[in-house]
C-alpha atoms as a PDB file:
ATOM      1  CA  UNK A   1      10.273 -16.085  -2.489  1.00  0.00           C
ATOM      2  CA  UNK A   2      11.352 -19.122  -0.422  1.00  0.00           C
ATOM      3  CA  UNK A   3      14.378 -20.861  -1.748  1.00  0.00           C
ATOM      4  CA  UNK A   4      15.145 -24.309  -0.812  1.00  0.00           C
ATOM      5  CA  UNK A   5      18.747 -26.226  -0.226  1.00  0.00           C
ATOM      6  CA  UNK A   6      18.611 -28.013  -3.378  1.00  0.00           C
ATOM      7  CA  UNK A   7      18.076 -25.090  -5.894  1.00  0.00           C
ATOM      8  CA  UNK A   8      17.936 -26.078  -9.456  1.00  0.00           C
ATOM      9  CA  UNK A   9      20.752 -25.252 -12.065  1.00  0.00           C
ATOM     10  CA  UNK A  10      19.556 -22.485 -14.294  1.00  0.00           C
ATOM     11  CA  UNK A  11      21.181 -23.261 -17.860  1.00  0.00           C
ATOM     12  CA  UNK A  12      23.610 -20.958 -19.424  1.00  0.00           C
ATOM     13  CA  UNK A  13      22.403 -21.898 -23.165  1.00  0.00           C
ATOM     14  CA  UNK A  14      19.430 -21.633 -24.980  1.00  0.00           C
ATOM     15  CA  UNK A  15      19.604 -25.503 -25.546  1.00  0.00           C
ATOM     16  CA  UNK A  16      20.077 -26.340 -21.908  1.00  0.00           C
ATOM     17  CA  UNK A  17      16.956 -23.912 -21.224  1.00  0.00           C
ATOM     18  CA  UNK A  18      14.862 -25.763 -23.659  1.00  0.00           C
ATOM     19  CA  UNK A  19      15.877 -29.220 -22.219  1.00  0.00           C
ATOM     20  CA  UNK A  20      15.323 -27.846 -18.584  1.00  0.00           C
ATOM     21  CA  UNK A  21      11.847 -26.058 -19.821  1.00  0.00           C
ATOM     22  CA  UNK A  22      10.737 -29.624 -21.364  1.00  0.00           C
ATOM     23  CA  UNK A  23      11.495 -31.537 -18.072  1.00  0.00           C
ATOM     24  CA  UNK A  24      10.008 -29.083 -15.821  1.00  0.00           C
ATOM     25  CA  UNK A  25       6.778 -28.707 -17.834  1.00  0.00           C
ATOM     26  CA  UNK A  26       6.461 -32.571 -18.128  1.00  0.00           C
ATOM     27  CA  UNK A  27       7.083 -32.767 -14.157  1.00  0.00           C
ATOM     28  CA  UNK A  28       4.481 -29.858 -13.750  1.00  0.00           C
ATOM     29  CA  UNK A  29       1.836 -31.765 -15.855  1.00  0.00           C
ATOM     30  CA  UNK A  30       2.086 -35.036 -14.443  1.00  0.00           C
ATOM     31  CA  UNK A  31       2.189 -33.890 -10.868  1.00  0.00           C
ATOM     32  CA  UNK A  32      -1.182 -31.726 -11.539  1.00  0.00           C
ATOM     33  CA  UNK A  33      -2.867 -34.588 -12.797  1.00  0.00           C
ATOM     34  CA  UNK A  34      -1.893 -37.253 -10.819  1.00  0.00           C
ATOM     35  CA  UNK A  35      -0.549 -35.979  -7.484  1.00  0.00           C
ATOM     36  CA  UNK A  36       3.030 -35.412  -6.578  1.00  0.00           C
ATOM     37  CA  UNK A  37       3.264 -38.944  -4.862  1.00  0.00           C
ATOM     38  CA  UNK A  38       2.230 -40.559  -7.885  1.00  0.00           C
ATOM     39  CA  UNK A  39       4.867 -39.115 -10.311  1.00  0.00           C
ATOM     40  CA  UNK A  40       8.564 -40.937 -10.380  1.00  0.00           C
ATOM     41  CA  UNK A  41      11.360 -39.557 -11.971  1.00  0.00           C
ATOM     42  CA  UNK A  42      11.114 -42.289 -14.586  1.00  0.00           C
ATOM     43  CA  UNK A  43       7.595 -40.912 -15.534  1.00  0.00           C
ATOM     44  CA  UNK A  44       9.166 -37.431 -15.855  1.00  0.00           C
ATOM     45  CA  UNK A  45      12.058 -38.765 -18.015  1.00  0.00           C
ATOM     46  CA  UNK A  46       9.513 -40.566 -20.370  1.00  0.00           C
ATOM     47  CA  UNK A  47       7.196 -37.836 -20.540  1.00  0.00           C
ATOM     48  CA  UNK A  48       9.990 -35.159 -21.418  1.00  0.00           C
ATOM     49  CA  UNK A  49      12.108 -37.458 -23.592  1.00  0.00           C
ATOM     50  CA  UNK A  50      15.037 -36.534 -21.399  1.00  0.00           C
ATOM     51  CA  UNK A  51      18.051 -38.580 -20.326  1.00  0.00           C
ATOM     52  CA  UNK A  52      18.791 -39.223 -16.642  1.00  0.00           C
ATOM     53  CA  UNK A  53      21.910 -37.263 -16.777  1.00  0.00           C
ATOM     54  CA  UNK A  54      20.058 -34.143 -18.027  1.00  0.00           C
ATOM     55  CA  UNK A  55      17.405 -34.418 -15.506  1.00  0.00           C
ATOM     56  CA  UNK A  56      20.109 -34.735 -12.640  1.00  0.00           C
ATOM     57  CA  UNK A  57      22.244 -32.028 -14.284  1.00  0.00           C
ATOM     58  CA  UNK A  58      19.418 -29.519 -13.983  1.00  0.00           C
ATOM     59  CA  UNK A  59      17.522 -30.802 -10.799  1.00  0.00           C
ATOM     60  CA  UNK A  60      19.838 -32.422  -8.025  1.00  0.00           C
ATOM     61  CA  UNK A  61      17.356 -34.981  -6.846  1.00  0.00           C
ATOM     62  CA  UNK A  62      13.547 -35.465  -6.732  1.00  0.00           C
ATOM     63  CA  UNK A  63      12.911 -32.977  -4.118  1.00  0.00           C
ATOM     64  CA  UNK A  64      14.570 -30.334  -6.075  1.00  0.00           C
ATOM     65  CA  UNK A  65      12.350 -30.959  -9.098  1.00  0.00           C
ATOM     66  CA  UNK A  66       9.242 -30.798  -6.886  1.00  0.00           C
ATOM     67  CA  UNK A  67      10.489 -27.349  -5.509  1.00  0.00           C
ATOM     68  CA  UNK A  68      10.981 -26.126  -8.953  1.00  0.00           C
ATOM     69  CA  UNK A  69       7.469 -27.193  -9.932  1.00  0.00           C
ATOM     70  CA  UNK A  70       6.119 -25.216  -6.981  1.00  0.00           C
ATOM     71  CA  UNK A  71       8.126 -22.082  -8.398  1.00  0.00           C
ATOM     72  CA  UNK A  72       6.876 -22.612 -11.858  1.00  0.00           C
ATOM     73  CA  UNK A  73       2.943 -22.922 -10.683  1.00  0.00           C
ATOM     74  CA  UNK A  74       3.616 -20.066  -8.625  1.00  0.00           C
ATOM     75  CA  UNK A  75       5.132 -18.067 -11.738  1.00  0.00           C
ATOM     76  CA  UNK A  76       1.920 -19.397 -13.900  1.00  0.00           C
ATOM     77  CA  UNK A  77      -0.911 -18.699 -11.315  1.00  0.00           C
ATOM     78  CA  UNK A  78       0.210 -15.264 -10.307  1.00  0.00           C
ATOM     79  CA  UNK A  79       1.078 -14.377 -14.048  1.00  0.00           C
ATOM     80  CA  UNK A  80      -2.749 -15.323 -14.863  1.00  0.00           C
ATOM     81  CA  UNK A  81      -4.033 -13.327 -12.009  1.00  0.00           C
ATOM     82  CA  UNK A  82      -1.702 -10.162 -11.865  1.00  0.00           C
ATOM     83  CA  UNK A  83      -3.056  -8.385 -15.200  1.00  0.00           C
ATOM     84  CA  UNK A  84      -6.292  -8.536 -13.590  1.00  0.00           C
ATOM     85  CA  UNK A  85      -5.392  -7.277 -10.062  1.00  0.00           C
ATOM     86  CA  UNK A  86      -3.012  -4.797 -10.916  1.00  0.00           C
ATOM     87  CA  UNK A  87      -5.542  -2.752 -12.703  1.00  0.00           C
ATOM     88  CA  UNK A  88      -8.333  -3.170 -10.010  1.00  0.00           C
ATOM     89  CA  UNK A  89     -10.376   0.422  -9.840  1.00  0.00           C
ATOM     90  CA  UNK A  90     -14.094  -0.626 -10.179  1.00  0.00           C
ATOM     91  CA  UNK A  91     -16.636  -3.228  -9.386  1.00  0.00           C
ATOM     92  CA  UNK A  92     -16.673  -3.995 -13.331  1.00  0.00           C
ATOM     93  CA  UNK A  93     -12.968  -5.042 -12.960  1.00  0.00           C
ATOM     94  CA  UNK A  94     -13.699  -7.408 -10.129  1.00  0.00           C
ATOM     95  CA  UNK A  95     -16.395  -8.891 -12.221  1.00  0.00           C
ATOM     96  CA  UNK A  96     -14.100  -9.053 -15.066  1.00  0.00           C
ATOM     97  CA  UNK A  97     -11.495 -10.848 -13.025  1.00  0.00           C
ATOM     98  CA  UNK A  98     -14.176 -13.491 -11.790  1.00  0.00           C
ATOM     99  CA  UNK A  99     -15.098 -13.992 -15.386  1.00  0.00           C
ATOM    100  CA  UNK A 100     -11.716 -14.756 -16.434  1.00  0.00           C
ATOM    101  CA  UNK A 101     -11.217 -17.507 -13.783  1.00  0.00           C
ATOM    102  CA  UNK A 102     -14.673 -19.183 -14.582  1.00  0.00           C
ATOM    103  CA  UNK A 103     -13.747 -18.841 -18.496  1.00  0.00           C
ATOM    104  CA  UNK A 104     -10.168 -20.601 -17.667  1.00  0.00           C
ATOM    105  CA  UNK A 105     -11.797 -23.487 -15.675  1.00  0.00           C
ATOM    106  CA  UNK A 106     -14.315 -23.712 -18.328  1.00  0.00           C
ATOM    107  CA  UNK A 107     -11.654 -24.117 -21.071  1.00  0.00           C
ATOM    108  CA  UNK A 108     -10.072 -26.959 -19.210  1.00  0.00           C
ATOM    109  CA  UNK A 109     -13.294 -28.862 -18.458  1.00  0.00           C
ATOM    110  CA  UNK A 110     -12.895 -28.010 -14.735  1.00  0.00           C
ATOM    111  CA  UNK A 111     -10.029 -30.476 -14.474  1.00  0.00           C
ATOM    112  CA  UNK A 112      -7.061 -29.745 -12.355  1.00  0.00           C
ATOM    113  CA  UNK A 113      -8.403 -27.245 -10.032  1.00  0.00           C
ATOM    114  CA  UNK A 114      -5.795 -24.736  -8.741  1.00  0.00           C
ATOM    115  CA  UNK A 115      -2.055 -25.808  -9.301  1.00  0.00           C
ATOM    116  CA  UNK A 116      -0.938 -24.120  -5.891  1.00  0.00           C
ATOM    117  CA  UNK A 117      -3.961 -25.549  -4.042  1.00  0.00           C
ATOM    118  CA  UNK A 118      -3.331 -29.174  -5.476  1.00  0.00           C
ATOM    119  CA  UNK A 119       0.288 -28.920  -4.567  1.00  0.00           C
ATOM    120  CA  UNK A 120      -0.498 -27.770  -1.029  1.00  0.00           C
ATOM    121  CA  UNK A 121      -2.994 -30.551  -0.578  1.00  0.00           C
ATOM    122  CA  UNK A 122      -0.225 -32.903  -1.467  1.00  0.00           C
ATOM    123  CA  UNK A 123       2.676 -31.473   0.412  1.00  0.00           C
ATOM    124  CA  UNK A 124       1.781 -29.355   3.016  1.00  0.00           C
ATOM    125  CA  UNK A 125       1.649 -32.242   5.893  1.00  0.00           C
ATOM    126  CA  UNK A 126       4.968 -33.931   4.779  1.00  0.00           C
ATOM    127  CA  UNK A 127       7.168 -31.490   3.074  1.00  0.00           C
ATOM    128  CA  UNK A 128       7.922 -28.322   5.447  1.00  0.00           C
ATOM    129  CA  UNK A 129      10.230 -26.742   3.031  1.00  0.00           C
ATOM    130  CA  UNK A 130       7.432 -26.872   0.321  1.00  0.00           C
ATOM    131  CA  UNK A 131       4.917 -25.977   2.853  1.00  0.00           C
ATOM    132  CA  UNK A 132       6.742 -22.690   3.426  1.00  0.00           C
ATOM    133  CA  UNK A 133       7.145 -22.214  -0.220  1.00  0.00           C
ATOM    134  CA  UNK A 134       3.615 -22.535  -0.834  1.00  0.00           C
ATOM    135  CA  UNK A 135       2.855 -20.333   2.012  1.00  0.00           C
ATOM    136  CA  UNK A 136       5.048 -17.682   0.410  1.00  0.00           C
ATOM    137  CA  UNK A 137       3.174 -18.161  -3.007  1.00  0.00           C
ATOM    138  CA  UNK A 138      -0.277 -17.782  -1.472  1.00  0.00           C
ATOM    139  CA  UNK A 139       0.744 -14.734   0.608  1.00  0.00           C
ATOM    140  CA  UNK A 140       2.093 -13.233  -2.749  1.00  0.00           C
ATOM    141  CA  UNK A 141      -1.245 -13.976  -4.346  1.00  0.00           C
ATOM    142  CA  UNK A 142      -2.994 -12.421  -1.246  1.00  0.00           C
ATOM    143  CA  UNK A 143      -0.892  -9.299  -1.397  1.00  0.00           C
ATOM    144  CA  UNK A 144      -1.548  -8.676  -4.727  1.00  0.00           C
ATOM    145  CA  UNK A 145      -5.375  -8.875  -4.379  1.00  0.00           C
ATOM    146  CA  UNK A 146      -4.848  -6.817  -1.294  1.00  0.00           C
ATOM    147  CA  UNK A 147      -2.906  -4.071  -3.381  1.00  0.00           C
ATOM    148  CA  UNK A 148      -5.605  -4.179  -5.995  1.00  0.00           C
ATOM    149  CA  UNK A 149      -8.501  -3.680  -3.291  1.00  0.00           C
ATOM    150  CA  UNK A 150      -6.454  -0.817  -1.871  1.00  0.00           C
ATOM    151  CA  UNK A 151      -6.500   0.830  -5.251  1.00  0.00           C
ATOM    152  CA  UNK A 152     -10.561   0.352  -5.208  1.00  0.00           C
ATOM    153  CA  UNK A 153     -10.269   2.382  -1.754  1.00  0.00           C
ATOM    154  CA  UNK A 154      -8.353   4.861  -3.555  1.00  0.00           C
ATOM    155  CA  UNK A 155     -10.518   5.160  -6.566  1.00  0.00           C
ATOM    156  CA  UNK A 156     -13.687   5.602  -4.091  1.00  0.00           C
ATOM    157  CA  UNK A 157     -15.176   2.158  -5.085  1.00  0.00           C
ATOM    158  CA  UNK A 158     -14.402   0.507  -1.415  1.00  0.00           C
ATOM    159  CA  UNK A 159     -14.978   2.196   1.929  1.00  0.00           C
ATOM    160  CA  UNK A 160     -11.992   3.451   3.772  1.00  0.00           C
ATOM    161  CA  UNK A 161     -12.923   1.255   6.626  1.00  0.00           C
ATOM    162  CA  UNK A 162     -12.319  -2.143   4.362  1.00  0.00           C
ATOM    163  CA  UNK A 163      -9.387  -3.989   5.415  1.00  0.00           C
ATOM    164  CA  UNK A 164      -7.779  -5.274   2.132  1.00  0.00           C
ATOM    165  CA  UNK A 165      -5.769  -7.868   3.772  1.00  0.00           C
ATOM    166  CA  UNK A 166      -8.626  -9.544   5.382  1.00  0.00           C
ATOM    167  CA  UNK A 167     -10.793  -9.468   2.595  1.00  0.00           C
ATOM    168  CA  UNK A 168      -8.014 -10.833   0.108  1.00  0.00           C
ATOM    169  CA  UNK A 169      -7.736 -13.902   2.234  1.00  0.00           C
ATOM    170  CA  UNK A 170     -11.472 -14.565   2.519  1.00  0.00           C
ATOM    171  CA  UNK A 171     -11.677 -14.021  -1.252  1.00  0.00           C
ATOM    172  CA  UNK A 172      -8.808 -16.192  -2.024  1.00  0.00           C
ATOM    173  CA  UNK A 173     -10.182 -18.918   0.294  1.00  0.00           C
ATOM    174  CA  UNK A 174     -13.714 -18.887  -1.385  1.00  0.00           C
ATOM    175  CA  UNK A 175     -11.873 -19.046  -4.845  1.00  0.00           C
ATOM    176  CA  UNK A 176     -10.002 -22.227  -3.552  1.00  0.00           C
ATOM    177  CA  UNK A 177     -13.199 -23.846  -2.174  1.00  0.00           C
ATOM    178  CA  UNK A 178     -14.923 -23.096  -5.498  1.00  0.00           C
ATOM    179  CA  UNK A 179     -12.098 -24.440  -7.766  1.00  0.00           C
ATOM    180  CA  UNK A 180     -11.891 -27.758  -5.721  1.00  0.00           C
ATOM    181  CA  UNK A 181     -15.773 -28.379  -5.749  1.00  0.00           C
ATOM    182  CA  UNK A 182     -15.695 -27.429  -9.794  1.00  0.00           C
ATOM    183  CA  UNK A 183     -12.950 -29.860 -10.111  1.00  0.00           C
ATOM    184  CA  UNK A 184     -14.838 -32.625  -8.396  1.00  0.00           C
ATOM    185  CA  UNK A 185     -18.166 -31.969 -10.132  1.00  0.00           C
ATOM    186  CA  UNK A 186     -16.377 -31.140 -13.456  1.00  0.00           C
ATOM    187  CA  UNK A 187     -18.661 -28.085 -13.627  1.00  0.00           C
ATOM    188  CA  UNK A 188     -18.137 -24.471 -13.144  1.00  0.00           C
ATOM    189  CA  UNK A 189     -21.214 -23.955 -11.110  1.00  0.00           C
ATOM    190  CA  UNK A 190     -19.682 -24.240  -7.642  1.00  0.00           C
ATOM    191  CA  UNK A 191     -17.176 -21.872  -8.631  1.00  0.00           C
ATOM    192  CA  UNK A 192     -19.646 -19.473  -9.772  1.00  0.00           C
ATOM    193  CA  UNK A 193     -21.528 -19.648  -6.610  1.00  0.00           C
ATOM    194  CA  UNK A 194     -18.209 -19.225  -4.569  1.00  0.00           C
ATOM    195  CA  UNK A 195     -17.136 -16.154  -6.624  1.00  0.00           C
ATOM    196  CA  UNK A 196     -20.570 -14.671  -6.363  1.00  0.00           C
ATOM    197  CA  UNK A 197     -20.602 -15.345  -2.606  1.00  0.00           C
ATOM    198  CA  UNK A 198     -17.116 -13.586  -2.282  1.00  0.00           C
ATOM    199  CA  UNK A 199     -18.024 -10.760  -4.510  1.00  0.00           C
ATOM    200  CA  UNK A 200     -20.980 -10.106  -2.298  1.00  0.00           C
ATOM    201  CA  UNK A 201     -18.964 -10.141   0.885  1.00  0.00           C
ATOM    202  CA  UNK A 202     -16.511  -7.678  -0.807  1.00  0.00           C
ATOM    203  CA  UNK A 203     -19.706  -5.397  -1.869  1.00  0.00           C
ATOM    204  CA  UNK A 204     -20.632  -4.986   1.920  1.00  0.00           C
ATOM    205  CA  UNK A 205     -17.836  -2.370   2.011  1.00  0.00           C
ATOM    206  CA  UNK A 206     -19.052  -0.599  -1.398  1.00  0.00           C
ATOM    207  CA  UNK A 207     -19.232   3.125  -1.144  1.00  0.00           C
ATOM    208  CA  UNK A 208     -22.416   2.975  -3.019  1.00  0.00           C
ATOM    209  CA  UNK A 209     -24.691  -0.246  -2.367  1.00  0.00           C
ATOM    210  CA  UNK A 210     -25.559  -2.369  -5.341  1.00  0.00           C
ATOM    211  CA  UNK A 211     -28.630  -1.974  -7.411  1.00  0.00           C
END
């Protein structure tokens, strides 16, 4: 994982960890709904009911807080996908993963899109350390999917000439576009279409053509 020069302090006590968690959760929620540039430290203090001294104790500055939010969203996003991707072996597993994504978006009314994608849109062109951090997060996600697709090759579901790395990039790119359009429309339909197209592309490499 990419580390920044303004690394956040990890609390030694349960009370400190709870305070840091409260601040980080508030910052992540505000940045997801408003965008990074529209969230001030005062906004985070108000939302978290923390003091300024507490915030600066755990996060050296605003940049340190932003980078901690990126780490947090990486953990959340990959934590959601990992149980599905670690166990990939069949096309039913792929379908279950897609269904879980669609269900999760429907559950939040298609608001918020992808937390990592939203942060990338806000930060990639104006914060080089953040861009590198986000690039590493997406690389980890792609590697996780590529490993799952490799398991499908080993299980005989995908042909041996399939390129898991390229297929993983294409699939996550389609997913990101579907999440963005679902957010704009407040409707899962664009996400369903994008994932259906992504799976159709994957199935071009199936050992047995779909019925």
